Every structure is written in C-alpha cells, then in structure tokens.
Amino acid sequence: MALGITIGAGIYVLLGSVAGSAGLYTPIAFLLASLMAGFTAFSFAELSGRYPRSAGEAVFAYHGFGRRWFAVTIGLLMTGAVIISGGVIVRGFTGYLQTVVTAPDWLISSR
C-alpha cells in the first residue's frame, strides 16, 4: 500500500513540481525514480514470497528482529503514514480538480 501511495503521489500530485524543477530532464528524473521504486517493489516481492502474510512491514520487522513490540510499533507507524499520505493525495487531487471545476473548498475537501 505504501509503495502504491508513493508512486501515486509522485505521478498524480507532484508531476507539476517535478517538471518545474527538472525542466527538460523530467523524463530522466521519473526514470530514476521508477528504478528506485522498482528496487523497493522487488524487495517487498521477495519478502512477501518468504513470509506470505498480511501486514508486510510488521511481519518483516518481527522476523528480522524477533521483537513483537517492535513489529507492533512498525505496524502503527505504517498505519499513520498511510493515513497521512492518503490525506496528501486528496489535497493534491482537489488542487487539480479546482482547475477544472469551480466549487467551494468545503465541498471538495475540508482544509
């Protein structure tokens, strides 16, 4: 889920910012970012093949460190990160939506 949010935010929310900063090198910037995301995706694919259970990061932390409290902490941190990331993507989407549709802020999202 975190990988999907990262890629989604990068493609849909940050496209204008990256293009403004990178200029003509925007395709190269996205190519490098996709390679880095690919390493993360392949790592998660390998780990999920070894430990085929839900709550991936927490399971990996438990098997790696053998501490239940550490796995629970990782799981709670990932839950918070997903909630915050979801909110950031909604804010980015509403910014794009307001360029197309005129509507009050309270109707699209609460700020």
PDB file of N, CA and C in Angstrom:
ATOM      1  N   MET A   1       0.823  -1.187   0.000  1.00  0.00           N
ATOM      2  CA  MET A   1       0.000   0.000   0.000  1.00  0.00           C
ATOM      3  C   MET A   1       0.868   1.253   0.000  1.00  0.00           C
ATOM      4  N   ALA A   2       1.909   1.251   0.782  1.00  0.00           N
ATOM      5  CA  ALA A   2       2.773   2.424   0.850  1.00  0.00           C
ATOM      6  C   ALA A   2       3.462   2.682  -0.481  1.00  0.00           C
ATOM      7  N   LEU A   3       3.864   1.624  -1.158  1.00  0.00           N
ATOM      8  CA  LEU A   3       4.501   1.788  -2.462  1.00  0.00           C
ATOM      9  C   LEU A   3       3.522   2.379  -3.467  1.00  0.00           C
ATOM     10  N   GLY A   4       2.275   1.920  -3.429  1.00  0.00           N
ATOM     11  CA  GLY A   4       1.252   2.473  -4.324  1.00  0.00           C
ATOM     12  C   GLY A   4       0.983   3.935  -4.050  1.00  0.00           C
ATOM     13  N   ILE A   5       0.964   4.319  -2.800  1.00  0.00           N
ATOM     14  CA  ILE A   5       0.742   5.727  -2.460  1.00  0.00           C
ATOM     15  C   ILE A   5       1.919   6.580  -2.910  1.00  0.00           C
ATOM     16  N   THR A   6       3.114   6.068  -2.729  1.00  0.00           N
ATOM     17  CA  THR A   6       4.297   6.817  -3.146  1.00  0.00           C
ATOM     18  C   THR A   6       4.303   7.041  -4.652  1.00  0.00           C
ATOM     19  N   ILE A   7       4.028   6.004  -5.390  1.00  0.00           N
ATOM     20  CA  ILE A   7       4.003   6.140  -6.839  1.00  0.00           C
ATOM     21  C   ILE A   7       2.830   7.012  -7.267  1.00  0.00           C
ATOM     22  N   GLY A   8       1.674   6.823  -6.655  1.00  0.00           N
ATOM     23  CA  GLY A   8       0.505   7.638  -6.997  1.00  0.00           C
ATOM     24  C   GLY A   8       0.731   9.105  -6.723  1.00  0.00           C
ATOM     25  N   ALA A   9       1.325   9.415  -5.579  1.00  0.00           N
ATOM     26  CA  ALA A   9       1.599  10.819  -5.260  1.00  0.00           C
ATOM     27  C   ALA A   9       2.619  11.399  -6.220  1.00  0.00           C
ATOM     28  N   GLY A  10       3.609  10.620  -6.571  1.00  0.00           N
ATOM     29  CA  GLY A  10       4.640  11.106  -7.485  1.00  0.00           C
ATOM     30  C   GLY A  10       4.113  11.378  -8.878  1.00  0.00           C
ATOM     31  N   ILE A  11       3.208  10.540  -9.342  1.00  0.00           N
ATOM     32  CA  ILE A  11       2.700  10.706 -10.701  1.00  0.00           C
ATOM     33  C   ILE A  11       1.582  11.733 -10.760  1.00  0.00           C
ATOM     34  N   TYR A  12       0.659  11.671  -9.824  1.00  0.00           N
ATOM     35  CA  TYR A  12      -0.534  12.499  -9.937  1.00  0.00           C
ATOM     36  C   TYR A  12      -0.454  13.832  -9.211  1.00  0.00           C
ATOM     37  N   VAL A  13       0.277  13.900  -8.119  1.00  0.00           N
ATOM     38  CA  VAL A  13       0.289  15.129  -7.336  1.00  0.00           C
ATOM     39  C   VAL A  13       1.535  15.964  -7.610  1.00  0.00           C
ATOM     40  N   LEU A  14       2.675  15.329  -7.747  1.00  0.00           N
ATOM     41  CA  LEU A  14       3.919  16.071  -7.843  1.00  0.00           C
ATOM     42  C   LEU A  14       4.429  16.281  -9.263  1.00  0.00           C
ATOM     43  N   LEU A  15       3.676  15.901 -10.255  1.00  0.00           N
ATOM     44  CA  LEU A  15       4.136  15.996 -11.634  1.00  0.00           C
ATOM     45  C   LEU A  15       4.526  17.424 -11.998  1.00  0.00           C
ATOM     46  N   GLY A  16       3.683  18.385 -11.652  1.00  0.00           N
ATOM     47  CA  GLY A  16       3.975  19.785 -11.973  1.00  0.00           C
ATOM     48  C   GLY A  16       5.204  20.302 -11.254  1.00  0.00           C
ATOM     49  N   SER A  17       5.366  19.940  -9.991  1.00  0.00           N
ATOM     50  CA  SER A  17       6.535  20.386  -9.224  1.00  0.00           C
ATOM     51  C   SER A  17       7.829  19.801  -9.785  1.00  0.00           C
ATOM     52  N   VAL A  18       7.794  18.524 -10.127  1.00  0.00           N
ATOM     53  CA  VAL A  18       8.987  17.887 -10.692  1.00  0.00           C
ATOM     54  C   VAL A  18       9.319  18.498 -12.045  1.00  0.00           C
ATOM     55  N   ALA A  19       8.317  18.699 -12.867  1.00  0.00           N
ATOM     56  CA  ALA A  19       8.558  19.283 -14.185  1.00  0.00           C
ATOM     57  C   ALA A  19       9.098  20.703 -14.061  1.00  0.00           C
ATOM     58  N   GLY A  20       8.614  21.455 -13.071  1.00  0.00           N
ATOM     59  CA  GLY A  20       9.111  22.809 -12.869  1.00  0.00           C
ATOM     60  C   GLY A  20      10.559  22.827 -12.412  1.00  0.00           C
ATOM     61  N   SER A  21      10.937  21.874 -11.584  1.00  0.00           N
ATOM     62  CA  SER A  21      12.309  21.821 -11.067  1.00  0.00           C
ATOM     63  C   SER A  21      13.278  21.171 -12.048  1.00  0.00           C
ATOM     64  N   ALA A  22      12.864  20.094 -12.679  1.00  0.00           N
ATOM     65  CA  ALA A  22      13.771  19.337 -13.542  1.00  0.00           C
ATOM     66  C   ALA A  22      13.816  19.861 -14.966  1.00  0.00           C
ATOM     67  N   GLY A  23      12.776  20.559 -15.378  1.00  0.00           N
ATOM     68  CA  GLY A  23      12.760  21.119 -16.735  1.00  0.00           C
ATOM     69  C   GLY A  23      12.806  20.042 -17.803  1.00  0.00           C
ATOM     70  N   LEU A  24      13.773  20.161 -18.702  1.00  0.00           N
ATOM     71  CA  LEU A  24      13.898  19.189 -19.795  1.00  0.00           C
ATOM     72  C   LEU A  24      14.314  17.802 -19.306  1.00  0.00           C
ATOM     73  N   TYR A  25      14.824  17.721 -18.082  1.00  0.00           N
ATOM     74  CA  TYR A  25      15.283  16.444 -17.540  1.00  0.00           C
ATOM     75  C   TYR A  25      14.177  15.704 -16.779  1.00  0.00           C
ATOM     76  N   THR A  26      12.943  16.141 -16.919  1.00  0.00           N
ATOM     77  CA  THR A  26      11.828  15.497 -16.219  1.00  0.00           C
ATOM     78  C   THR A  26      11.715  14.008 -16.546  1.00  0.00           C
ATOM     79  N   PRO A  27      11.807  13.599 -17.812  1.00  0.00           N
ATOM     80  CA  PRO A  27      11.726  12.150 -18.081  1.00  0.00           C
ATOM     81  C   PRO A  27      12.845  11.365 -17.403  1.00  0.00           C
ATOM     82  N   ILE A  28      14.038  11.937 -17.342  1.00  0.00           N
ATOM     83  CA  ILE A  28      15.146  11.248 -16.688  1.00  0.00           C
ATOM     84  C   ILE A  28      14.890  11.157 -15.187  1.00  0.00           C
ATOM     85  N   ALA A  29      14.340  12.227 -14.600  1.00  0.00           N
ATOM     86  CA  ALA A  29      14.022  12.214 -13.165  1.00  0.00           C
ATOM     87  C   ALA A  29      13.011  11.120 -12.850  1.00  0.00           C
ATOM     88  N   PHE A  30      11.974  10.994 -13.693  1.00  0.00           N
ATOM     89  CA  PHE A  30      10.979   9.955 -13.451  1.00  0.00           C
ATOM     90  C   PHE A  30      11.543   8.563 -13.722  1.00  0.00           C
ATOM     91  N   LEU A  31      12.448   8.439 -14.657  1.00  0.00           N
ATOM     92  CA  LEU A  31      13.086   7.154 -14.908  1.00  0.00           C
ATOM     93  C   LEU A  31      13.916   6.726 -13.703  1.00  0.00           C
ATOM     94  N   LEU A  32      14.701   7.646 -13.145  1.00  0.00           N
ATOM     95  CA  LEU A  32      15.491   7.317 -11.953  1.00  0.00           C
ATOM     96  C   LEU A  32      14.594   6.988 -10.763  1.00  0.00           C
ATOM     97  N   ALA A  33      13.519   7.750 -10.600  1.00  0.00           N
ATOM     98  CA  ALA A  33      12.586   7.476  -9.501  1.00  0.00           C
ATOM     99  C   ALA A  33      11.926   6.111  -9.673  1.00  0.00           C
ATOM    100  N   SER A  34      11.594   5.753 -10.907  1.00  0.00           N
ATOM    101  CA  SER A  34      10.966   4.444 -11.130  1.00  0.00           C
ATOM    102  C   SER A  34      11.948   3.303 -10.866  1.00  0.00           C
ATOM    103  N   LEU A  35      13.225   3.514 -11.171  1.00  0.00           N
ATOM    104  CA  LEU A  35      14.220   2.492 -10.858  1.00  0.00           C
ATOM    105  C   LEU A  35      14.338   2.293  -9.340  1.00  0.00           C
ATOM    106  N   MET A  36      14.344   3.398  -8.610  1.00  0.00           N
ATOM    107  CA  MET A  36      14.411   3.292  -7.147  1.00  0.00           C
ATOM    108  C   MET A  36      13.153   2.614  -6.594  1.00  0.00           C
ATOM    109  N   ALA A  37      11.992   2.965  -7.115  1.00  0.00           N
ATOM    110  CA  ALA A  37      10.753   2.315  -6.681  1.00  0.00           C
ATOM    111  C   ALA A  37      10.767   0.835  -7.058  1.00  0.00           C
ATOM    112  N   GLY A  38      11.389   0.516  -8.170  1.00  0.00           N
ATOM    113  CA  GLY A  38      11.496  -0.882  -8.590  1.00  0.00           C
ATOM    114  C   GLY A  38      12.294  -1.721  -7.610  1.00  0.00           C
ATOM    115  N   PHE A  39      13.405  -1.160  -7.090  1.00  0.00           N
ATOM    116  CA  PHE A  39      14.178  -1.885  -6.079  1.00  0.00           C
ATOM    117  C   PHE A  39      13.319  -2.162  -4.844  1.00  0.00           C
ATOM    118  N   THR A  40      12.549  -1.175  -4.438  1.00  0.00           N
ATOM    119  CA  THR A  40      11.665  -1.358  -3.285  1.00  0.00           C
ATOM    120  C   THR A  40      10.610  -2.421  -3.574  1.00  0.00           C
ATOM    121  N   ALA A  41      10.024  -2.355  -4.765  1.00  0.00           N
ATOM    122  CA  ALA A  41       8.980  -3.319  -5.133  1.00  0.00           C
ATOM    123  C   ALA A  41       9.537  -4.744  -5.179  1.00  0.00           C
ATOM    124  N   PHE A  42      10.726  -4.908  -5.746  1.00  0.00           N
ATOM    125  CA  PHE A  42      11.313  -6.250  -5.810  1.00  0.00           C
ATOM    126  C   PHE A  42      11.689  -6.763  -4.419  1.00  0.00           C
ATOM    127  N   SER A  43      12.125  -5.861  -3.540  1.00  0.00           N
ATOM    128  CA  SER A  43      12.423  -6.273  -2.167  1.00  0.00           C
ATOM    129  C   SER A  43      11.167  -6.761  -1.460  1.00  0.00           C
ATOM    130  N   PHE A  44      10.067  -5.995  -1.613  1.00  0.00           N
ATOM    131  CA  PHE A  44       8.812  -6.417  -0.999  1.00  0.00           C
ATOM    132  C   PHE A  44       8.296  -7.713  -1.630  1.00  0.00           C
ATOM    133  N   ALA A  45       8.499  -7.884  -2.920  1.00  0.00           N
ATOM    134  CA  ALA A  45       8.062  -9.124  -3.569  1.00  0.00           C
ATOM    135  C   ALA A  45       8.836 -10.319  -3.022  1.00  0.00           C
ATOM    136  N   GLU A  46      10.131 -10.156  -2.838  1.00  0.00           N
ATOM    137  CA  GLU A  46      10.944 -11.241  -2.282  1.00  0.00           C
ATOM    138  C   GLU A  46      10.525 -11.570  -0.851  1.00  0.00           C
ATOM    139  N   LEU A  47      10.354 -10.532  -0.041  1.00  0.00           N
ATOM    140  CA  LEU A  47       9.966 -10.764   1.352  1.00  0.00           C
ATOM    141  C   LEU A  47       8.563 -11.357   1.466  1.00  0.00           C
ATOM    142  N   SER A  48       7.648 -10.914   0.622  1.00  0.00           N
ATOM    143  CA  SER A  48       6.293 -11.469   0.693  1.00  0.00           C
ATOM    144  C   SER A  48       6.256 -12.913   0.209  1.00  0.00           C
ATOM    145  N   GLY A  49       7.186 -13.283  -0.647  1.00  0.00           N
ATOM    146  CA  GLY A  49       7.296 -14.687  -1.038  1.00  0.00           C
ATOM    147  C   GLY A  49       7.795 -15.553   0.100  1.00  0.00           C
ATOM    148  N   ARG A  50       8.669 -14.978   0.937  1.00  0.00           N
ATOM    149  CA  ARG A  50       9.196 -15.731   2.077  1.00  0.00           C
ATOM    150  C   ARG A  50       8.222 -15.766   3.246  1.00  0.00           C
ATOM    151  N   TYR A  51       7.501 -14.661   3.460  1.00  0.00           N
ATOM    152  CA  TYR A  51       6.544 -14.546   4.568  1.00  0.00           C
ATOM    153  C   TYR A  51       5.182 -14.128   4.017  1.00  0.00           C
ATOM    154  N   PRO A  52       4.429 -15.063   3.452  1.00  0.00           N
ATOM    155  CA  PRO A  52       3.157 -14.710   2.799  1.00  0.00           C
ATOM    156  C   PRO A  52       2.026 -14.444   3.793  1.00  0.00           C
ATOM    157  N   ARG A  53       2.116 -13.315   4.498  1.00  0.00           N
ATOM    158  CA  ARG A  53       1.080 -12.913   5.447  1.00  0.00           C
ATOM    159  C   ARG A  53       0.791 -11.443   5.239  1.00  0.00           C
ATOM    160  N   SER A  54      -0.348 -10.992   5.734  1.00  0.00           N
ATOM    161  CA  SER A  54      -0.682  -9.577   5.631  1.00  0.00           C
ATOM    162  C   SER A  54       0.129  -8.777   6.652  1.00  0.00           C
ATOM    163  N   ALA A  55       0.054  -7.459   6.565  1.00  0.00           N
ATOM    164  CA  ALA A  55       0.806  -6.535   7.431  1.00  0.00           C
ATOM    165  C   ALA A  55       2.298  -6.686   7.182  1.00  0.00           C
ATOM    166  N   GLY A  56       2.673  -6.591   5.927  1.00  0.00           N
ATOM    167  CA  GLY A  56       4.029  -6.869   5.467  1.00  0.00           C
ATOM    168  C   GLY A  56       5.163  -6.291   6.290  1.00  0.00           C
ATOM    169  N   GLU A  57       5.174  -4.969   6.490  1.00  0.00           N
ATOM    170  CA  GLU A  57       6.294  -4.353   7.187  1.00  0.00           C
ATOM    171  C   GLU A  57       6.418  -4.885   8.605  1.00  0.00           C
ATOM    172  N   ALA A  58       5.288  -5.059   9.283  1.00  0.00           N
ATOM    173  CA  ALA A  58       5.318  -5.568  10.655  1.00  0.00           C
ATOM    174  C   ALA A  58       5.805  -7.015  10.695  1.00  0.00           C
ATOM    175  N   VAL A  59       5.383  -7.821   9.748  1.00  0.00           N
ATOM    176  CA  VAL A  59       5.828  -9.222   9.692  1.00  0.00           C
ATOM    177  C   VAL A  59       7.324  -9.277   9.421  1.00  0.00           C
ATOM    178  N   PHE A  60       7.797  -8.428   8.499  1.00  0.00           N
ATOM    179  CA  PHE A  60       9.221  -8.419   8.177  1.00  0.00           C
ATOM    180  C   PHE A  60      10.041  -7.982   9.391  1.00  0.00           C
ATOM    181  N   ALA A  61       9.554  -6.973  10.113  1.00  0.00           N
ATOM    182  CA  ALA A  61      10.254  -6.498  11.307  1.00  0.00           C
ATOM    183  C   ALA A  61      10.279  -7.578  12.382  1.00  0.00           C
ATOM    184  N   TYR A  62       9.178  -8.290  12.537  1.00  0.00           N
ATOM    185  CA  TYR A  62       9.121  -9.355  13.541  1.00  0.00           C
ATOM    186  C   TYR A  62      10.121 -10.468  13.215  1.00  0.00           C
ATOM    187  N   HIS A  63      10.140 -10.895  11.958  1.00  0.00           N
ATOM    188  CA  HIS A  63      11.059 -11.970  11.583  1.00  0.00           C
ATOM    189  C   HIS A  63      12.505 -11.495  11.578  1.00  0.00           C
ATOM    190  N   GLY A  64      12.716 -10.225  11.286  1.00  0.00           N
ATOM    191  CA  GLY A  64      14.079  -9.706  11.255  1.00  0.00           C
ATOM    192  C   GLY A  64      14.669  -9.462  12.630  1.00  0.00           C
ATOM    193  N   PHE A  65      13.853  -8.949  13.567  1.00  0.00           N
ATOM    194  CA  PHE A  65      14.364  -8.584  14.879  1.00  0.00           C
ATOM    195  C   PHE A  65      13.844  -9.463  16.012  1.00  0.00           C
ATOM    196  N   GLY A  66      12.767 -10.211  15.749  1.00  0.00           N
ATOM    197  CA  GLY A  66      12.240 -11.119  16.750  1.00  0.00           C
ATOM    198  C   GLY A  66      11.583 -10.444  17.944  1.00  0.00           C
ATOM    199  N   ARG A  67      11.201  -9.204  17.809  1.00  0.00           N
ATOM    200  CA  ARG A  67      10.577  -8.462  18.906  1.00  0.00           C
ATOM    201  C   ARG A  67       9.157  -8.084  18.511  1.00  0.00           C
ATOM    202  N   ARG A  68       8.200  -8.584  19.267  1.00  0.00           N
ATOM    203  CA  ARG A  68       6.793  -8.299  18.955  1.00  0.00           C
ATOM    204  C   ARG A  68       6.467  -6.822  19.104  1.00  0.00           C
ATOM    205  N   TRP A  69       6.969  -6.175  20.142  1.00  0.00           N
ATOM    206  CA  TRP A  69       6.678  -4.752  20.354  1.00  0.00           C
ATOM    207  C   TRP A  69       7.196  -3.913  19.195  1.00  0.00           C
ATOM    208  N   PHE A  70       8.334  -4.322  18.637  1.00  0.00           N
ATOM    209  CA  PHE A  70       8.890  -3.582  17.511  1.00  0.00           C
ATOM    210  C   PHE A  70       8.002  -3.734  16.277  1.00  0.00           C
ATOM    211  N   ALA A  71       7.494  -4.934  16.054  1.00  0.00           N
ATOM    212  CA  ALA A  71       6.599  -5.180  14.923  1.00  0.00           C
ATOM    213  C   ALA A  71       5.300  -4.394  15.074  1.00  0.00           C
ATOM    214  N   VAL A  72       4.766  -4.344  16.283  1.00  0.00           N
ATOM    215  CA  VAL A  72       3.532  -3.572  16.526  1.00  0.00           C
ATOM    216  C   VAL A  72       3.787  -2.090  16.291  1.00  0.00           C
ATOM    217  N   THR A  73       4.931  -1.590  16.740  1.00  0.00           N
ATOM    218  CA  THR A  73       5.282  -0.184  16.519  1.00  0.00           C
ATOM    219  C   THR A  73       5.395   0.113  15.030  1.00  0.00           C
ATOM    220  N   ILE A  74       6.046  -0.754  14.288  1.00  0.00           N
ATOM    221  CA  ILE A  74       6.169  -0.578  12.838  1.00  0.00           C
ATOM    222  C   ILE A  74       4.789  -0.582  12.189  1.00  0.00           C
ATOM    223  N   GLY A  75       3.928  -1.488  12.600  1.00  0.00           N
ATOM    224  CA  GLY A  75       2.569  -1.544  12.050  1.00  0.00           C
ATOM    225  C   GLY A  75       1.788  -0.273  12.319  1.00  0.00           C
ATOM    226  N   LEU A  76       1.886   0.257  13.533  1.00  0.00           N
ATOM    227  CA  LEU A  76       1.187   1.504  13.865  1.00  0.00           C
ATOM    228  C   LEU A  76       1.762   2.694  13.104  1.00  0.00           C
ATOM    229  N   LEU A  77       3.073   2.741  12.960  1.00  0.00           N
ATOM    230  CA  LEU A  77       3.686   3.821  12.180  1.00  0.00           C
ATOM    231  C   LEU A  77       3.261   3.761  10.712  1.00  0.00           C
ATOM    232  N   MET A  78       3.187   2.554  10.168  1.00  0.00           N
ATOM    233  CA  MET A  78       2.742   2.419   8.776  1.00  0.00           C
ATOM    234  C   MET A  78       1.276   2.825   8.625  1.00  0.00           C
ATOM    235  N   THR A  79       0.461   2.510   9.609  1.00  0.00           N
ATOM    236  CA  THR A  79      -0.943   2.941   9.563  1.00  0.00           C
ATOM    237  C   THR A  79      -1.032   4.456   9.549  1.00  0.00           C
ATOM    238  N   GLY A  80      -0.266   5.112  10.412  1.00  0.00           N
ATOM    239  CA  GLY A  80      -0.243   6.575  10.416  1.00  0.00           C
ATOM    240  C   GLY A  80       0.279   7.156   9.109  1.00  0.00           C
ATOM    241  N   ALA A  81       1.311   6.536   8.554  1.00  0.00           N
ATOM    242  CA  ALA A  81       1.869   7.022   7.292  1.00  0.00           C
ATOM    243  C   ALA A  81       0.868   6.906   6.152  1.00  0.00           C
ATOM    244  N   VAL A  82       0.114   5.811   6.126  1.00  0.00           N
ATOM    245  CA  VAL A  82      -0.888   5.629   5.076  1.00  0.00           C
ATOM    246  C   VAL A  82      -2.011   6.652   5.221  1.00  0.00           C
ATOM    247  N   ILE A  83      -2.435   6.928   6.439  1.00  0.00           N
ATOM    248  CA  ILE A  83      -3.494   7.928   6.657  1.00  0.00           C
ATOM    249  C   ILE A  83      -3.022   9.309   6.214  1.00  0.00           C
ATOM    250  N   ILE A  84      -1.816   9.683   6.617  1.00  0.00           N
ATOM    251  CA  ILE A  84      -1.280  10.993   6.232  1.00  0.00           C
ATOM    252  C   ILE A  84      -1.068  11.070   4.727  1.00  0.00           C
ATOM    253  N   SER A  85      -0.527  10.020   4.128  1.00  0.00           N
ATOM    254  CA  SER A  85      -0.296  10.016   2.683  1.00  0.00           C
ATOM    255  C   SER A  85      -1.603  10.103   1.907  1.00  0.00           C
ATOM    256  N   GLY A  86      -2.617   9.406   2.391  1.00  0.00           N
ATOM    257  CA  GLY A  86      -3.928   9.496   1.742  1.00  0.00           C
ATOM    258  C   GLY A  86      -4.468  10.918   1.768  1.00  0.00           C
ATOM    259  N   GLY A  87      -4.294  11.593   2.905  1.00  0.00           N
ATOM    260  CA  GLY A  87      -4.724  12.987   3.007  1.00  0.00           C
ATOM    261  C   GLY A  87      -3.968  13.900   2.061  1.00  0.00           C
ATOM    262  N   VAL A  88      -2.674  13.668   1.918  1.00  0.00           N
ATOM    263  CA  VAL A  88      -1.867  14.476   0.999  1.00  0.00           C
ATOM    264  C   VAL A  88      -2.321  14.276  -0.439  1.00  0.00           C
ATOM    265  N   ILE A  89      -2.617  13.045  -0.807  1.00  0.00           N
ATOM    266  CA  ILE A  89      -3.080  12.785  -2.173  1.00  0.00           C
ATOM    267  C   ILE A  89      -4.439  13.429  -2.414  1.00  0.00           C
ATOM    268  N   VAL A  90      -5.322  13.396  -1.411  1.00  0.00           N
ATOM    269  CA  VAL A  90      -6.624  14.065  -1.556  1.00  0.00           C
ATOM    270  C   VAL A  90      -6.439  15.555  -1.752  1.00  0.00           C
ATOM    271  N   ARG A  91      -5.536  16.167  -0.989  1.00  0.00           N
ATOM    272  CA  ARG A  91      -5.272  17.603  -1.143  1.00  0.00           C
ATOM    273  C   ARG A  91      -4.746  17.917  -2.538  1.00  0.00           C
ATOM    274  N   GLY A  92      -3.835  17.091  -3.031  1.00  0.00           N
ATOM    275  CA  GLY A  92      -3.326  17.294  -4.387  1.00  0.00           C
ATOM    276  C   GLY A  92      -4.410  17.136  -5.433  1.00  0.00           C
ATOM    277  N   PHE A  93      -5.253  16.137  -5.258  1.00  0.00           N
ATOM    278  CA  PHE A  93      -6.346  15.922  -6.197  1.00  0.00           C
ATOM    279  C   PHE A  93      -7.307  17.098  -6.206  1.00  0.00           C
ATOM    280  N   THR A  94      -7.621  17.632  -5.039  1.00  0.00           N
ATOM    281  CA  THR A  94      -8.558  18.760  -5.001  1.00  0.00           C
ATOM    282  C   THR A  94      -7.956  19.983  -5.673  1.00  0.00           C
ATOM    283  N   GLY A  95      -6.643  20.146  -5.584  1.00  0.00           N
ATOM    284  CA  GLY A  95      -5.998  21.248  -6.304  1.00  0.00           C
ATOM    285  C   GLY A  95      -6.175  21.104  -7.797  1.00  0.00           C
ATOM    286  N   TYR A  96      -5.993  19.883  -8.313  1.00  0.00           N
ATOM    287  CA  TYR A  96      -6.206  19.642  -9.735  1.00  0.00           C
ATOM    288  C   TYR A  96      -7.676  19.796 -10.106  1.00  0.00           C
ATOM    289  N   LEU A  97      -8.557  19.297  -9.263  1.00  0.00           N
ATOM    290  CA  LEU A  97      -9.986  19.362  -9.550  1.00  0.00           C
ATOM    291  C   LEU A  97     -10.466  20.801  -9.621  1.00  0.00           C
ATOM    292  N   GLN A  98      -9.923  21.662  -8.773  1.00  0.00           N
ATOM    293  CA  GLN A  98     -10.351  23.058  -8.774  1.00  0.00           C
ATOM    294  C   GLN A  98      -9.888  23.820 -10.018  1.00  0.00           C
ATOM    295  N   THR A  99      -8.933  23.284 -10.758  1.00  0.00           N
ATOM    296  CA  THR A  99      -8.575  23.921 -12.025  1.00  0.00           C
ATOM    297  C   THR A  99      -9.597  23.616 -13.111  1.00  0.00           C
ATOM    298  N   VAL A 100     -10.374  22.558 -12.911  1.00  0.00           N
ATOM    299  CA  VAL A 100     -11.366  22.150 -13.896  1.00  0.00           C
ATOM    300  C   VAL A 100     -12.780  22.541 -13.472  1.00  0.00           C
ATOM    301  N   VAL A 101     -13.098  22.344 -12.205  1.00  0.00           N
ATOM    302  CA  VAL A 101     -14.438  22.563 -11.682  1.00  0.00           C
ATOM    303  C   VAL A 101     -14.378  23.654 -10.621  1.00  0.00           C
ATOM    304  N   THR A 102     -15.255  24.626 -10.739  1.00  0.00           N
ATOM    305  CA  THR A 102     -15.328  25.663  -9.718  1.00  0.00           C
ATOM    306  C   THR A 102     -16.300  25.218  -8.634  1.00  0.00           C
ATOM    307  N   ALA A 103     -15.770  25.050  -7.456  1.00  0.00           N
ATOM    308  CA  ALA A 103     -16.582  24.635  -6.313  1.00  0.00           C
ATOM    309  C   ALA A 103     -15.924  25.170  -5.049  1.00  0.00           C
ATOM    310  N   PRO A 104     -16.717  25.399  -4.023  1.00  0.00           N
ATOM    311  CA  PRO A 104     -16.117  25.867  -2.768  1.00  0.00           C
ATOM    312  C   PRO A 104     -15.230  24.788  -2.144  1.00  0.00           C
ATOM    313  N   ASP A 105     -14.216  25.237  -1.398  1.00  0.00           N
ATOM    314  CA  ASP A 105     -13.272  24.306  -0.766  1.00  0.00           C
ATOM    315  C   ASP A 105     -13.962  23.300   0.137  1.00  0.00           C
ATOM    316  N   TRP A 106     -14.964  23.750   0.890  1.00  0.00           N
ATOM    317  CA  TRP A 106     -15.615  22.852   1.843  1.00  0.00           C
ATOM    318  C   TRP A 106     -16.338  21.707   1.147  1.00  0.00           C
ATOM    319  N   LEU A 107     -16.728  21.919  -0.114  1.00  0.00           N
ATOM    320  CA  LEU A 107     -17.433  20.882  -0.839  1.00  0.00           C
ATOM    321  C   LEU A 107     -16.460  19.812  -1.362  1.00  0.00           C
ATOM    322  N   ILE A 108     -15.281  20.236  -1.760  1.00  0.00           N
ATOM    323  CA  ILE A 108     -14.324  19.299  -2.328  1.00  0.00           C
ATOM    324  C   ILE A 108     -13.550  18.574  -1.225  1.00  0.00           C
ATOM    325  N   SER A 109     -12.994  19.320  -0.303  1.00  0.00           N
ATOM    326  CA  SER A 109     -12.299  18.703   0.830  1.00  0.00           C
ATOM    327  C   SER A 109     -12.241  19.713   1.966  1.00  0.00           C
ATOM    328  N   SER A 110     -12.139  19.210   3.166  1.00  0.00           N
ATOM    329  CA  SER A 110     -12.020  20.116   4.306  1.00  0.00           C
ATOM    330  C   SER A 110     -10.553  20.467   4.485  1.00  0.00           C
ATOM    331  N   ARG A 111     -10.301  21.712   4.730  1.00  0.00           N
ATOM    332  CA  ARG A 111      -8.904  22.152   4.907  1.00  0.00           C
ATOM    333  C   ARG A 111      -8.626  22.486   6.320  1.00  0.00           C
TER     334      ARG A 111
END
